[in-house]
Amino acid sequence: MIDRNSANASFWSSKLGQAAMASIAAMTMMILLSSQVQPGAAHAAPMAHPAAEAGSMIEIA
């Protein structure tokens, strides 16, 4: 039978385990920081379309 506590402890103390912890921390920070970014007023403005001033729109399928 494998002693899971000693196996877990040896993995996290190895170089691969430390790299895994660094990767998990980096992904967590990326998610937290990307959820903080909100589009500004420039991104909220609709894009101007030249055909809108002509009064007719043609949709090409």
N, C-alpha and C. Protein backbone atom coordinates (compact mmCIF):
# COMPACT_ATOMS: atom_id res chain seq x y z
N MET A 1 0.84 -1.17 0.00
CA MET A 1 0.00 0.00 0.00
C MET A 1 0.89 1.24 0.00
N ILE A 2 0.50 2.25 -0.75
CA ILE A 2 1.28 3.48 -0.85
C ILE A 2 0.84 4.44 0.25
N ASP A 3 1.81 4.97 0.97
CA ASP A 3 1.51 5.98 1.98
C ASP A 3 1.32 7.31 1.26
N ARG A 4 0.06 7.74 1.13
CA ARG A 4 -0.25 8.94 0.33
C ARG A 4 0.33 10.21 0.95
N ASN A 5 0.40 10.30 2.27
CA ASN A 5 0.93 11.50 2.91
C ASN A 5 2.39 11.72 2.58
N SER A 6 3.18 10.68 2.63
CA SER A 6 4.59 10.84 2.31
C SER A 6 4.79 11.04 0.81
N ALA A 7 3.93 10.43 -0.02
CA ALA A 7 4.04 10.62 -1.47
C ALA A 7 3.70 12.06 -1.83
N ASN A 8 2.66 12.63 -1.22
CA ASN A 8 2.30 14.02 -1.49
C ASN A 8 3.40 14.97 -1.01
N ALA A 9 3.94 14.72 0.14
CA ALA A 9 4.98 15.59 0.68
C ALA A 9 6.22 15.55 -0.19
N SER A 10 6.58 14.37 -0.69
CA SER A 10 7.79 14.29 -1.51
C SER A 10 7.56 14.93 -2.88
N PHE A 11 6.33 14.88 -3.41
CA PHE A 11 6.08 15.51 -4.70
C PHE A 11 6.18 17.03 -4.60
N TRP A 12 5.51 17.62 -3.61
CA TRP A 12 5.50 19.08 -3.50
C TRP A 12 6.87 19.64 -3.14
N SER A 13 7.73 18.84 -2.55
CA SER A 13 9.07 19.33 -2.23
C SER A 13 10.05 19.09 -3.37
N SER A 14 9.64 18.36 -4.41
CA SER A 14 10.53 18.14 -5.56
C SER A 14 10.50 19.35 -6.48
N LYS A 15 11.44 19.38 -7.44
CA LYS A 15 11.48 20.50 -8.39
C LYS A 15 10.22 20.54 -9.25
N LEU A 16 9.71 19.37 -9.62
CA LEU A 16 8.48 19.32 -10.41
C LEU A 16 7.29 19.84 -9.60
N GLY A 17 7.22 19.49 -8.33
CA GLY A 17 6.15 19.98 -7.48
C GLY A 17 6.23 21.48 -7.27
N GLN A 18 7.44 22.01 -7.11
CA GLN A 18 7.61 23.46 -6.96
C GLN A 18 7.23 24.18 -8.25
N ALA A 19 7.56 23.59 -9.40
CA ALA A 19 7.15 24.18 -10.68
C ALA A 19 5.63 24.14 -10.82
N ALA A 20 5.01 23.08 -10.36
CA ALA A 20 3.55 22.97 -10.41
C ALA A 20 2.91 24.04 -9.52
N MET A 21 3.47 24.26 -8.33
CA MET A 21 2.93 25.30 -7.45
C MET A 21 3.09 26.69 -8.07
N ALA A 22 4.23 26.94 -8.71
CA ALA A 22 4.46 28.23 -9.36
C ALA A 22 3.47 28.42 -10.51
N SER A 23 3.21 27.35 -11.26
CA SER A 23 2.27 27.42 -12.37
C SER A 23 0.84 27.68 -11.88
N ILE A 24 0.45 27.00 -10.82
CA ILE A 24 -0.87 27.21 -10.24
C ILE A 24 -1.02 28.64 -9.73
N ALA A 25 0.02 29.15 -9.08
CA ALA A 25 -0.02 30.52 -8.57
C ALA A 25 -0.11 31.52 -9.72
N ALA A 26 0.64 31.28 -10.80
CA ALA A 26 0.61 32.20 -11.95
C ALA A 26 -0.76 32.19 -12.62
N MET A 27 -1.36 31.00 -12.78
CA MET A 27 -2.68 30.93 -13.40
C MET A 27 -3.73 31.61 -12.53
N THR A 28 -3.62 31.44 -11.22
CA THR A 28 -4.57 32.07 -10.30
C THR A 28 -4.45 33.59 -10.37
N MET A 29 -3.22 34.09 -10.41
CA MET A 29 -3.03 35.54 -10.50
C MET A 29 -3.54 36.08 -11.83
N MET A 30 -3.34 35.33 -12.91
CA MET A 30 -3.83 35.76 -14.22
C MET A 30 -5.35 35.86 -14.22
N ILE A 31 -6.01 34.89 -13.62
CA ILE A 31 -7.47 34.91 -13.55
C ILE A 31 -7.95 36.08 -12.70
N LEU A 32 -7.31 36.29 -11.56
CA LEU A 32 -7.71 37.39 -10.68
C LEU A 32 -7.49 38.74 -11.34
N LEU A 33 -6.36 38.92 -12.01
CA LEU A 33 -6.07 40.20 -12.64
C LEU A 33 -6.94 40.43 -13.87
N SER A 34 -7.22 39.39 -14.64
CA SER A 34 -8.04 39.58 -15.84
C SER A 34 -9.49 39.86 -15.47
N SER A 35 -9.95 39.39 -14.32
CA SER A 35 -11.31 39.70 -13.90
C SER A 35 -11.43 41.13 -13.39
N GLN A 36 -10.29 41.77 -13.06
CA GLN A 36 -10.30 43.15 -12.58
C GLN A 36 -10.36 44.14 -13.74
N VAL A 37 -9.94 43.73 -14.93
CA VAL A 37 -9.88 44.65 -16.07
C VAL A 37 -11.28 44.81 -16.64
N GLN A 38 -11.73 46.05 -16.67
CA GLN A 38 -13.04 46.37 -17.23
C GLN A 38 -12.83 47.27 -18.44
N PRO A 39 -13.63 47.10 -19.48
CA PRO A 39 -13.46 47.97 -20.64
C PRO A 39 -13.79 49.42 -20.29
N GLY A 40 -12.98 50.33 -20.81
CA GLY A 40 -13.18 51.75 -20.53
C GLY A 40 -14.25 52.34 -21.44
N ALA A 41 -14.40 53.66 -21.39
CA ALA A 41 -15.42 54.34 -22.18
C ALA A 41 -15.16 54.20 -23.67
N ALA A 42 -13.89 54.13 -24.08
CA ALA A 42 -13.58 54.02 -25.50
C ALA A 42 -14.04 52.68 -26.05
N HIS A 43 -13.98 51.64 -25.23
CA HIS A 43 -14.40 50.32 -25.70
C HIS A 43 -15.92 50.18 -25.70
N ALA A 44 -16.59 50.99 -24.91
CA ALA A 44 -18.04 50.88 -24.81
C ALA A 44 -18.75 51.58 -25.97
N ALA A 45 -18.06 52.50 -26.64
CA ALA A 45 -18.69 53.24 -27.73
C ALA A 45 -18.87 52.33 -28.95
N PRO A 46 -20.03 52.41 -29.62
CA PRO A 46 -20.23 51.58 -30.81
C PRO A 46 -19.36 52.06 -31.97
N MET A 47 -19.00 51.14 -32.81
CA MET A 47 -18.18 51.49 -33.97
C MET A 47 -19.05 52.16 -35.03
N ALA A 48 -18.53 53.20 -35.64
CA ALA A 48 -19.27 53.89 -36.70
C ALA A 48 -19.19 53.06 -37.97
N HIS A 49 -20.29 52.96 -38.66
CA HIS A 49 -20.35 52.20 -39.91
C HIS A 49 -20.73 53.16 -41.03
N PRO A 50 -19.98 53.22 -42.13
CA PRO A 50 -20.28 54.21 -43.17
C PRO A 50 -21.65 54.00 -43.83
N ALA A 51 -22.17 52.80 -43.88
CA ALA A 51 -23.46 52.55 -44.53
C ALA A 51 -24.62 53.02 -43.66
N ALA A 52 -24.38 53.24 -42.38
CA ALA A 52 -25.48 53.67 -41.51
C ALA A 52 -25.96 55.06 -41.87
N GLU A 53 -25.08 55.92 -42.38
CA GLU A 53 -25.48 57.28 -42.76
C GLU A 53 -26.28 57.28 -44.06
N ALA A 54 -26.11 56.27 -44.91
CA ALA A 54 -26.80 56.22 -46.20
C ALA A 54 -28.28 55.87 -46.02
N GLY A 55 -28.65 55.23 -44.94
CA GLY A 55 -30.04 54.94 -44.68
C GLY A 55 -30.46 53.54 -45.07
N SER A 56 -29.61 52.80 -45.75
CA SER A 56 -29.97 51.41 -46.11
C SER A 56 -28.82 50.49 -45.78
N MET A 57 -29.17 49.32 -45.29
CA MET A 57 -28.17 48.33 -44.94
C MET A 57 -28.43 47.10 -45.78
N ILE A 58 -27.39 46.51 -46.33
CA ILE A 58 -27.51 45.30 -47.11
C ILE A 58 -26.71 44.20 -46.41
N GLU A 59 -27.35 43.09 -46.15
CA GLU A 59 -26.68 41.98 -45.51
C GLU A 59 -26.31 40.96 -46.57
N ILE A 60 -25.05 40.61 -46.62
CA ILE A 60 -24.58 39.63 -47.59
C ILE A 60 -24.35 38.33 -46.83
N ALA A 61 -25.04 37.30 -47.22
CA ALA A 61 -24.94 36.02 -46.53
C ALA A 61 -23.82 35.18 -47.09
